């Protein structure tokens, strides 16, 4: 089990012990994996979601959607895009 249970938090390094291939994932997938792991509560984001992303393969068939919750916002003046206007 990798989700938060009874106040326990699991780190990406702990997850890497269960899924050694994480180190070889593309950086973009690892960036998505961190907040998925952080938001894993067993309900909205489950162990299966984390495992599917941790075992990501570029040509694999996608069988389910995984909830992604962005949790970090770039501060004003950091040079990042802050606002996107829909056309």
C-alpha atoms as a PDB file:
ATOM      1  CA  UNK A   1       0.000   0.000   0.000  1.00  0.00           C
ATOM      2  CA  UNK A   2       1.371   3.411  -0.921  1.00  0.00           C
ATOM      3  CA  UNK A   3      -1.559   5.703  -0.102  1.00  0.00           C
ATOM      4  CA  UNK A   4      -1.896   7.866   2.968  1.00  0.00           C
ATOM      5  CA  UNK A   5      -3.400   5.860   5.790  1.00  0.00           C
ATOM      6  CA  UNK A   6      -3.694   6.745   9.463  1.00  0.00           C
ATOM      7  CA  UNK A   7      -1.623   9.904   9.062  1.00  0.00           C
ATOM      8  CA  UNK A   8       1.272   8.182   7.285  1.00  0.00           C
ATOM      9  CA  UNK A   9       2.909   9.920   4.354  1.00  0.00           C
ATOM     10  CA  UNK A  10       4.867   8.105   1.687  1.00  0.00           C
ATOM     11  CA  UNK A  11       7.755   9.621  -0.206  1.00  0.00           C
ATOM     12  CA  UNK A  12       8.783   9.062  -3.823  1.00  0.00           C
ATOM     13  CA  UNK A  13      11.891   7.259  -2.538  1.00  0.00           C
ATOM     14  CA  UNK A  14       9.695   4.802  -0.602  1.00  0.00           C
ATOM     15  CA  UNK A  15       7.633   4.261  -3.746  1.00  0.00           C
ATOM     16  CA  UNK A  16      10.843   3.618  -5.714  1.00  0.00           C
ATOM     17  CA  UNK A  17      11.542   0.623  -3.473  1.00  0.00           C
ATOM     18  CA  UNK A  18       8.279  -0.951  -4.662  1.00  0.00           C
ATOM     19  CA  UNK A  19       8.680   0.223  -8.273  1.00  0.00           C
ATOM     20  CA  UNK A  20      12.413   0.364  -9.130  1.00  0.00           C
ATOM     21  CA  UNK A  21      11.733   1.589 -12.681  1.00  0.00           C
ATOM     22  CA  UNK A  22      10.713   5.046 -11.444  1.00  0.00           C
ATOM     23  CA  UNK A  23      14.280   6.321 -11.859  1.00  0.00           C
ATOM     24  CA  UNK A  24      14.058   5.583 -15.595  1.00  0.00           C
ATOM     25  CA  UNK A  25      10.726   7.359 -16.136  1.00  0.00           C
ATOM     26  CA  UNK A  26      10.741  10.577 -18.159  1.00  0.00           C
ATOM     27  CA  UNK A  27      10.987  13.672 -15.971  1.00  0.00           C
ATOM     28  CA  UNK A  28       7.506  14.799 -17.069  1.00  0.00           C
ATOM     29  CA  UNK A  29       5.965  11.550 -15.775  1.00  0.00           C
ATOM     30  CA  UNK A  30       7.857  11.824 -12.495  1.00  0.00           C
ATOM     31  CA  UNK A  31       6.607  15.410 -12.114  1.00  0.00           C
ATOM     32  CA  UNK A  32       3.030  14.115 -12.452  1.00  0.00           C
ATOM     33  CA  UNK A  33       3.714  11.142 -10.168  1.00  0.00           C
ATOM     34  CA  UNK A  34       4.710  13.277  -7.173  1.00  0.00           C
ATOM     35  CA  UNK A  35       1.336  15.044  -6.677  1.00  0.00           C
ATOM     36  CA  UNK A  36      -0.540  11.838  -7.543  1.00  0.00           C
ATOM     37  CA  UNK A  37       1.312  10.125  -4.694  1.00  0.00           C
ATOM     38  CA  UNK A  38       0.784  13.129  -2.422  1.00  0.00           C
ATOM     39  CA  UNK A  39      -2.977  13.093  -3.092  1.00  0.00           C
ATOM     40  CA  UNK A  40      -3.353   9.327  -2.844  1.00  0.00           C
ATOM     41  CA  UNK A  41      -6.142   8.855  -0.324  1.00  0.00           C
ATOM     42  CA  UNK A  42      -7.482   5.474  -1.373  1.00  0.00           C
ATOM     43  CA  UNK A  43     -10.675   7.028  -2.722  1.00  0.00           C
ATOM     44  CA  UNK A  44     -10.151   9.672  -5.417  1.00  0.00           C
ATOM     45  CA  UNK A  45      -6.593   8.497  -6.070  1.00  0.00           C
ATOM     46  CA  UNK A  46      -5.947   4.835  -5.280  1.00  0.00           C
ATOM     47  CA  UNK A  47      -2.930   2.573  -4.970  1.00  0.00           C
ATOM     48  CA  UNK A  48      -3.773   1.230  -8.415  1.00  0.00           C
ATOM     49  CA  UNK A  49      -3.549   4.745  -9.905  1.00  0.00           C
ATOM     50  CA  UNK A  50      -0.126   5.278  -8.332  1.00  0.00           C
ATOM     51  CA  UNK A  51       1.102   1.855  -9.480  1.00  0.00           C
ATOM     52  CA  UNK A  52      -0.136   2.407 -13.032  1.00  0.00           C
ATOM     53  CA  UNK A  53       1.712   5.700 -13.283  1.00  0.00           C
ATOM     54  CA  UNK A  54       4.827   4.308 -11.545  1.00  0.00           C
ATOM     55  CA  UNK A  55       4.909   1.495 -14.120  1.00  0.00           C
ATOM     56  CA  UNK A  56       4.224   3.811 -17.084  1.00  0.00           C
ATOM     57  CA  UNK A  57       5.301   2.533 -20.481  1.00  0.00           C
ATOM     58  CA  UNK A  58       5.218   4.844 -23.532  1.00  0.00           C
ATOM     59  CA  UNK A  59       3.314   2.456 -25.816  1.00  0.00           C
ATOM     60  CA  UNK A  60       1.067   0.754 -23.271  1.00  0.00           C
ATOM     61  CA  UNK A  61      -2.707   0.752 -23.599  1.00  0.00           C
ATOM     62  CA  UNK A  62      -4.251   3.333 -21.254  1.00  0.00           C
ATOM     63  CA  UNK A  63      -7.023   1.702 -19.234  1.00  0.00           C
ATOM     64  CA  UNK A  64      -8.041   4.374 -16.755  1.00  0.00           C
ATOM     65  CA  UNK A  65      -7.855   8.055 -15.979  1.00  0.00           C
ATOM     66  CA  UNK A  66      -5.845   9.304 -13.024  1.00  0.00           C
ATOM     67  CA  UNK A  67      -6.862  12.397 -11.074  1.00  0.00           C
ATOM     68  CA  UNK A  68      -4.133  15.028 -11.207  1.00  0.00           C
ATOM     69  CA  UNK A  69      -4.205  17.822  -8.640  1.00  0.00           C
ATOM     70  CA  UNK A  70      -1.728  20.616  -9.265  1.00  0.00           C
ATOM     71  CA  UNK A  71      -0.464  21.881  -5.940  1.00  0.00           C
ATOM     72  CA  UNK A  72       2.373  24.246  -6.712  1.00  0.00           C
ATOM     73  CA  UNK A  73       1.936  27.683  -8.202  1.00  0.00           C
ATOM     74  CA  UNK A  74       4.762  29.798  -9.558  1.00  0.00           C
ATOM     75  CA  UNK A  75       5.007  33.164  -7.773  1.00  0.00           C
ATOM     76  CA  UNK A  76       4.561  36.403  -9.749  1.00  0.00           C
ATOM     77  CA  UNK A  77       7.820  37.601 -11.232  1.00  0.00           C
ATOM     78  CA  UNK A  78       9.305  34.134 -11.559  1.00  0.00           C
ATOM     79  CA  UNK A  79       9.152  34.247 -15.352  1.00  0.00           C
ATOM     80  CA  UNK A  80       6.474  31.553 -15.536  1.00  0.00           C
ATOM     81  CA  UNK A  81       3.127  31.906 -17.263  1.00  0.00           C
ATOM     82  CA  UNK A  82       0.553  32.904 -14.647  1.00  0.00           C
ATOM     83  CA  UNK A  83      -2.619  33.357 -16.572  1.00  0.00           C
ATOM     84  CA  UNK A  84      -4.005  31.738 -19.672  1.00  0.00           C
ATOM     85  CA  UNK A  85      -6.925  33.358 -21.447  1.00  0.00           C
ATOM     86  CA  UNK A  86      -9.272  31.148 -23.413  1.00  0.00           C
ATOM     87  CA  UNK A  87     -10.027  32.413 -26.908  1.00  0.00           C
END
